[in-house]
Amino acid sequence: MDRWLWAVRLTKTRPDAAAACRGGHVRVNDRPVKPATTVSPGDEIRARVGDVTRVVEVVRVIQKRVGAADAATCFIDRTPAPPPEAAIPVARRDRGAGRPTKRERRILDKFRSGQL
């Protein structure tokens, strides 16, 4: 498992892939796996890489790391699109308005903390 994750470039290094497996961040067909688990075509792999959970289906099993173009043919990416983030209004001051007064700073602090 760790070798395949590294070979298809889902993780940067093989030790990172092994640590993700040991930490329970990788699941094959909704079961947690160890680094030595073998994968076969048709398996669905859920791997949390960084802050993103990648969902891929194995198409081809490879043992050695290959180029990015070849690695992309080894799996089908079924990762759902991230939800659109709401635009947070940004407090702006007019150019040349100077530093905020104490009252304006308090209003800005309330705005930033979500109390306003």
N, C-alpha and C. Protein backbone atom coordinates (compact mmCIF):
# COMPACT_ATOMS: atom_id res chain seq x y z
N MET A 1 0.82 -1.19 0.00
CA MET A 1 0.00 0.00 0.00
C MET A 1 0.87 1.26 0.00
N ASP A 2 1.85 1.31 0.91
CA ASP A 2 2.66 2.53 0.98
C ASP A 2 3.46 2.71 -0.30
N ARG A 3 3.91 1.62 -0.89
CA ARG A 3 4.69 1.71 -2.13
C ARG A 3 3.81 2.22 -3.26
N TRP A 4 2.56 1.76 -3.34
CA TRP A 4 1.66 2.20 -4.41
C TRP A 4 1.31 3.67 -4.24
N LEU A 5 1.02 4.11 -3.01
CA LEU A 5 0.70 5.52 -2.77
C LEU A 5 1.84 6.42 -3.20
N TRP A 6 3.05 5.98 -2.91
CA TRP A 6 4.23 6.75 -3.29
C TRP A 6 4.48 6.68 -4.80
N ALA A 7 4.27 5.51 -5.40
CA ALA A 7 4.55 5.32 -6.83
C ALA A 7 3.62 6.15 -7.71
N VAL A 8 2.36 6.29 -7.30
CA VAL A 8 1.42 7.07 -8.12
C VAL A 8 1.36 8.53 -7.68
N ARG A 9 2.27 8.92 -6.80
CA ARG A 9 2.47 10.31 -6.41
C ARG A 9 1.31 10.91 -5.61
N LEU A 10 0.64 10.09 -4.80
CA LEU A 10 -0.34 10.64 -3.88
C LEU A 10 0.34 11.20 -2.64
N THR A 11 1.52 10.65 -2.29
CA THR A 11 2.34 11.20 -1.21
C THR A 11 3.70 11.53 -1.77
N LYS A 12 4.39 12.45 -1.10
CA LYS A 12 5.70 12.87 -1.61
C LYS A 12 6.78 11.82 -1.36
N THR A 13 6.74 11.17 -0.20
CA THR A 13 7.76 10.18 0.11
C THR A 13 7.10 8.90 0.59
N ARG A 14 7.84 7.81 0.49
CA ARG A 14 7.31 6.53 0.95
C ARG A 14 7.15 6.51 2.47
N PRO A 15 8.07 7.08 3.25
CA PRO A 15 7.82 7.13 4.70
C PRO A 15 6.55 7.91 5.06
N ASP A 16 6.22 8.94 4.29
CA ASP A 16 4.97 9.67 4.53
C ASP A 16 3.77 8.75 4.28
N ALA A 17 3.84 7.94 3.24
CA ALA A 17 2.76 7.01 2.93
C ALA A 17 2.62 5.96 4.03
N ALA A 18 3.75 5.44 4.51
CA ALA A 18 3.71 4.43 5.57
C ALA A 18 3.15 5.03 6.87
N ALA A 19 3.55 6.25 7.17
CA ALA A 19 3.04 6.91 8.39
C ALA A 19 1.54 7.15 8.29
N ALA A 20 1.06 7.51 7.10
CA ALA A 20 -0.38 7.71 6.91
C ALA A 20 -1.13 6.40 7.11
N CYS A 21 -0.57 5.29 6.63
CA CYS A 21 -1.21 3.98 6.81
C CYS A 21 -1.23 3.60 8.29
N ARG A 22 -0.11 3.77 8.97
CA ARG A 22 -0.04 3.42 10.39
C ARG A 22 -0.95 4.31 11.23
N GLY A 23 -1.14 5.56 10.80
CA GLY A 23 -1.97 6.49 11.56
C GLY A 23 -3.45 6.34 11.29
N GLY A 24 -3.83 5.44 10.41
CA GLY A 24 -5.24 5.22 10.12
C GLY A 24 -5.83 6.21 9.13
N HIS A 25 -4.98 6.90 8.35
CA HIS A 25 -5.46 7.89 7.39
C HIS A 25 -5.71 7.29 6.02
N VAL A 26 -5.43 6.00 5.85
CA VAL A 26 -5.64 5.35 4.57
C VAL A 26 -6.60 4.18 4.77
N ARG A 27 -7.64 4.12 3.91
CA ARG A 27 -8.62 3.05 3.98
C ARG A 27 -8.79 2.46 2.59
N VAL A 28 -8.86 1.13 2.51
CA VAL A 28 -9.13 0.44 1.25
C VAL A 28 -10.48 -0.24 1.41
N ASN A 29 -11.41 0.10 0.53
CA ASN A 29 -12.78 -0.43 0.59
C ASN A 29 -13.36 -0.25 1.99
N ASP A 30 -13.16 0.92 2.57
CA ASP A 30 -13.66 1.31 3.90
C ASP A 30 -13.11 0.48 5.04
N ARG A 31 -11.90 -0.06 4.89
CA ARG A 31 -11.22 -0.77 5.98
C ARG A 31 -9.84 -0.16 6.16
N PRO A 32 -9.43 0.13 7.40
CA PRO A 32 -8.08 0.66 7.59
C PRO A 32 -7.03 -0.37 7.19
N VAL A 33 -5.91 0.09 6.68
CA VAL A 33 -4.89 -0.81 6.16
C VAL A 33 -3.54 -0.54 6.81
N LYS A 34 -2.68 -1.54 6.69
CA LYS A 34 -1.29 -1.41 7.11
C LYS A 34 -0.45 -1.09 5.88
N PRO A 35 0.78 -0.61 6.08
CA PRO A 35 1.62 -0.28 4.93
C PRO A 35 1.90 -1.47 4.01
N ALA A 36 1.90 -2.68 4.52
CA ALA A 36 2.24 -3.85 3.71
C ALA A 36 1.04 -4.44 2.97
N THR A 37 -0.14 -3.86 3.12
CA THR A 37 -1.33 -4.38 2.46
C THR A 37 -1.18 -4.28 0.95
N THR A 38 -1.61 -5.32 0.24
CA THR A 38 -1.54 -5.28 -1.23
C THR A 38 -2.82 -4.68 -1.78
N VAL A 39 -2.69 -4.02 -2.91
CA VAL A 39 -3.85 -3.44 -3.58
C VAL A 39 -4.06 -4.18 -4.90
N SER A 40 -5.29 -4.15 -5.38
CA SER A 40 -5.59 -4.78 -6.66
C SER A 40 -6.50 -3.85 -7.45
N PRO A 41 -6.55 -4.01 -8.75
CA PRO A 41 -7.41 -3.14 -9.56
C PRO A 41 -8.86 -3.24 -9.10
N GLY A 42 -9.52 -2.10 -9.04
CA GLY A 42 -10.90 -2.03 -8.60
C GLY A 42 -11.06 -1.60 -7.16
N ASP A 43 -9.98 -1.60 -6.36
CA ASP A 43 -10.06 -1.17 -4.97
C ASP A 43 -10.30 0.33 -4.90
N GLU A 44 -11.11 0.75 -3.93
CA GLU A 44 -11.32 2.17 -3.68
C GLU A 44 -10.46 2.57 -2.48
N ILE A 45 -9.63 3.57 -2.67
CA ILE A 45 -8.70 4.01 -1.63
C ILE A 45 -9.07 5.41 -1.20
N ARG A 46 -9.22 5.58 0.12
CA ARG A 46 -9.43 6.91 0.72
C ARG A 46 -8.17 7.23 1.51
N ALA A 47 -7.47 8.27 1.10
CA ALA A 47 -6.23 8.65 1.78
C ALA A 47 -6.29 10.13 2.13
N ARG A 48 -6.07 10.43 3.40
CA ARG A 48 -6.01 11.83 3.82
C ARG A 48 -4.58 12.30 3.63
N VAL A 49 -4.39 13.18 2.67
CA VAL A 49 -3.08 13.71 2.34
C VAL A 49 -3.10 15.19 2.65
N GLY A 50 -2.38 15.57 3.69
CA GLY A 50 -2.42 16.96 4.12
C GLY A 50 -3.79 17.26 4.70
N ASP A 51 -4.47 18.25 4.15
CA ASP A 51 -5.80 18.62 4.62
C ASP A 51 -6.91 18.08 3.73
N VAL A 52 -6.54 17.36 2.67
CA VAL A 52 -7.51 16.89 1.68
C VAL A 52 -7.64 15.38 1.76
N THR A 53 -8.86 14.87 1.71
CA THR A 53 -9.09 13.43 1.64
C THR A 53 -9.27 13.07 0.18
N ARG A 54 -8.32 12.31 -0.35
CA ARG A 54 -8.37 11.88 -1.75
C ARG A 54 -9.09 10.55 -1.83
N VAL A 55 -9.99 10.40 -2.78
CA VAL A 55 -10.69 9.16 -3.04
C VAL A 55 -10.32 8.74 -4.45
N VAL A 56 -9.65 7.59 -4.57
CA VAL A 56 -9.21 7.11 -5.88
C VAL A 56 -9.57 5.65 -6.05
N GLU A 57 -9.74 5.25 -7.31
CA GLU A 57 -9.98 3.85 -7.64
C GLU A 57 -8.76 3.33 -8.38
N VAL A 58 -8.25 2.19 -7.95
CA VAL A 58 -7.05 1.62 -8.54
C VAL A 58 -7.39 1.05 -9.91
N VAL A 59 -6.64 1.46 -10.93
CA VAL A 59 -6.81 0.92 -12.28
C VAL A 59 -5.68 -0.05 -12.58
N ARG A 60 -4.46 0.34 -12.18
CA ARG A 60 -3.28 -0.48 -12.47
C ARG A 60 -2.35 -0.43 -11.27
N VAL A 61 -1.78 -1.57 -10.93
CA VAL A 61 -0.86 -1.66 -9.80
C VAL A 61 0.56 -1.55 -10.34
N ILE A 62 1.34 -0.63 -9.78
CA ILE A 62 2.74 -0.48 -10.16
C ILE A 62 3.59 -0.57 -8.90
N GLN A 63 4.83 -0.96 -9.07
CA GLN A 63 5.73 -1.13 -7.94
C GLN A 63 6.77 -0.01 -7.84
N LYS A 64 7.13 0.59 -8.98
CA LYS A 64 8.16 1.62 -8.98
C LYS A 64 7.56 2.96 -9.33
N ARG A 65 8.18 4.00 -8.83
CA ARG A 65 7.70 5.36 -9.07
C ARG A 65 7.92 5.70 -10.55
N VAL A 66 6.89 6.28 -11.15
CA VAL A 66 6.95 6.63 -12.57
C VAL A 66 6.66 8.11 -12.71
N GLY A 67 6.75 8.60 -13.93
CA GLY A 67 6.47 10.01 -14.20
C GLY A 67 5.03 10.37 -13.89
N ALA A 68 4.78 11.65 -13.76
CA ALA A 68 3.45 12.11 -13.38
C ALA A 68 2.40 11.72 -14.41
N ALA A 69 2.74 11.77 -15.69
CA ALA A 69 1.77 11.41 -16.74
C ALA A 69 1.41 9.93 -16.65
N ASP A 70 2.40 9.06 -16.42
CA ASP A 70 2.13 7.63 -16.28
C ASP A 70 1.40 7.32 -14.98
N ALA A 71 1.72 8.04 -13.92
CA ALA A 71 1.08 7.81 -12.63
C ALA A 71 -0.40 8.15 -12.69
N ALA A 72 -0.76 9.14 -13.48
CA ALA A 72 -2.17 9.54 -13.58
C ALA A 72 -3.02 8.47 -14.23
N THR A 73 -2.41 7.58 -15.00
CA THR A 73 -3.18 6.51 -15.65
C THR A 73 -3.39 5.31 -14.74
N CYS A 74 -2.79 5.31 -13.57
CA CYS A 74 -2.89 4.17 -12.65
C CYS A 74 -4.09 4.24 -11.73
N PHE A 75 -4.78 5.37 -11.69
CA PHE A 75 -5.94 5.50 -10.82
C PHE A 75 -6.95 6.46 -11.43
N ILE A 76 -8.20 6.34 -10.97
CA ILE A 76 -9.26 7.26 -11.35
C ILE A 76 -9.56 8.09 -10.10
N ASP A 77 -9.42 9.39 -10.23
CA ASP A 77 -9.63 10.27 -9.08
C ASP A 77 -11.11 10.55 -8.91
N ARG A 78 -11.67 10.12 -7.79
CA ARG A 78 -13.08 10.33 -7.49
C ARG A 78 -13.25 11.28 -6.29
N THR A 79 -12.26 12.10 -6.06
CA THR A 79 -12.30 13.05 -4.95
C THR A 79 -13.40 14.08 -5.21
N PRO A 80 -14.33 14.27 -4.25
CA PRO A 80 -15.37 15.27 -4.47
C PRO A 80 -14.78 16.68 -4.50
N ALA A 81 -15.42 17.55 -5.27
CA ALA A 81 -14.96 18.93 -5.37
C ALA A 81 -15.13 19.63 -4.02
N PRO A 82 -14.18 20.48 -3.66
CA PRO A 82 -14.32 21.19 -2.38
C PRO A 82 -15.51 22.15 -2.43
N PRO A 83 -16.18 22.35 -1.29
CA PRO A 83 -17.33 23.26 -1.29
C PRO A 83 -16.86 24.69 -1.53
N PRO A 84 -17.67 25.48 -2.21
CA PRO A 84 -17.27 26.88 -2.43
C PRO A 84 -17.26 27.62 -1.10
N GLU A 85 -16.23 28.40 -0.91
CA GLU A 85 -16.10 29.13 0.35
C GLU A 85 -16.82 30.47 0.24
N ALA A 86 -17.49 30.82 1.30
CA ALA A 86 -18.21 32.09 1.32
C ALA A 86 -17.21 33.24 1.35
N ALA A 87 -17.51 34.26 0.60
CA ALA A 87 -16.63 35.42 0.57
C ALA A 87 -16.77 36.20 1.87
N ILE A 88 -15.67 36.38 2.55
CA ILE A 88 -15.67 37.12 3.81
C ILE A 88 -15.36 38.57 3.49
N PRO A 89 -16.23 39.48 3.92
CA PRO A 89 -15.95 40.89 3.62
C PRO A 89 -14.69 41.35 4.35
N VAL A 90 -13.92 42.16 3.67
CA VAL A 90 -12.68 42.67 4.23
C VAL A 90 -12.86 44.13 4.60
N ALA A 91 -12.49 44.47 5.81
CA ALA A 91 -12.60 45.86 6.25
C ALA A 91 -11.51 46.67 5.56
N ARG A 92 -11.91 47.72 4.88
CA ARG A 92 -10.96 48.58 4.17
C ARG A 92 -11.12 50.01 4.66
N ARG A 93 -10.01 50.70 4.65
CA ARG A 93 -10.02 52.13 4.99
C ARG A 93 -9.65 52.91 3.75
N ASP A 94 -10.19 54.11 3.68
CA ASP A 94 -9.84 54.97 2.55
C ASP A 94 -8.37 55.35 2.63
N ARG A 95 -7.75 55.45 1.48
CA ARG A 95 -6.35 55.82 1.43
C ARG A 95 -6.18 57.24 1.99
N GLY A 96 -5.22 57.39 2.87
CA GLY A 96 -4.94 58.69 3.46
C GLY A 96 -5.83 59.01 4.65
N ALA A 97 -6.61 58.05 5.12
CA ALA A 97 -7.51 58.30 6.25
C ALA A 97 -6.76 58.26 7.58
N GLY A 98 -5.51 57.84 7.56
CA GLY A 98 -4.72 57.81 8.78
C GLY A 98 -4.99 56.56 9.60
N ARG A 99 -4.42 56.54 10.78
CA ARG A 99 -4.60 55.39 11.66
C ARG A 99 -6.01 55.38 12.22
N PRO A 100 -6.55 54.18 12.51
CA PRO A 100 -7.89 54.14 13.12
C PRO A 100 -7.86 54.69 14.54
N THR A 101 -8.93 55.33 14.92
CA THR A 101 -9.04 55.83 16.28
C THR A 101 -9.32 54.64 17.20
N LYS A 102 -9.30 54.92 18.51
CA LYS A 102 -9.54 53.85 19.47
C LYS A 102 -10.93 53.25 19.27
N ARG A 103 -11.91 54.09 19.02
CA ARG A 103 -13.28 53.62 18.79
C ARG A 103 -13.34 52.75 17.53
N GLU A 104 -12.68 53.19 16.45
CA GLU A 104 -12.68 52.42 15.20
C GLU A 104 -11.97 51.08 15.38
N ARG A 105 -10.90 51.08 16.18
CA ARG A 105 -10.19 49.81 16.44
C ARG A 105 -11.08 48.83 17.16
N ARG A 106 -11.86 49.32 18.15
CA ARG A 106 -12.77 48.43 18.87
C ARG A 106 -13.83 47.85 17.93
N ILE A 107 -14.34 48.68 17.04
CA ILE A 107 -15.33 48.20 16.06
C ILE A 107 -14.69 47.15 15.15
N LEU A 108 -13.47 47.40 14.70
CA LEU A 108 -12.76 46.44 13.84
C LEU A 108 -12.51 45.12 14.58
N ASP A 109 -12.13 45.20 15.83
CA ASP A 109 -11.90 43.98 16.62
C ASP A 109 -13.17 43.17 16.77
N LYS A 110 -14.31 43.84 17.02
CA LYS A 110 -15.58 43.14 17.11
C LYS A 110 -15.93 42.50 15.78
N PHE A 111 -15.67 43.21 14.69
CA PHE A 111 -15.96 42.69 13.35
C PHE A 111 -15.13 41.46 13.06
N ARG A 112 -13.85 41.50 13.41
CA ARG A 112 -12.94 40.37 13.14
C ARG A 112 -13.28 39.15 13.99
N SER A 113 -13.75 39.37 15.22
CA SER A 113 -14.06 38.24 16.10
C SER A 113 -15.44 37.67 15.82
N GLY A 114 -16.21 38.31 14.94
CA GLY A 114 -17.52 37.78 14.57
C GLY A 114 -18.65 38.24 15.45
N GLN A 115 -18.41 39.20 16.31
CA GLN A 115 -19.45 39.69 17.19
C GLN A 115 -20.34 40.71 16.50
N LEU A 116 -19.89 41.24 15.39
CA LEU A 116 -20.68 42.24 14.69
C LEU A 116 -21.41 41.64 13.53
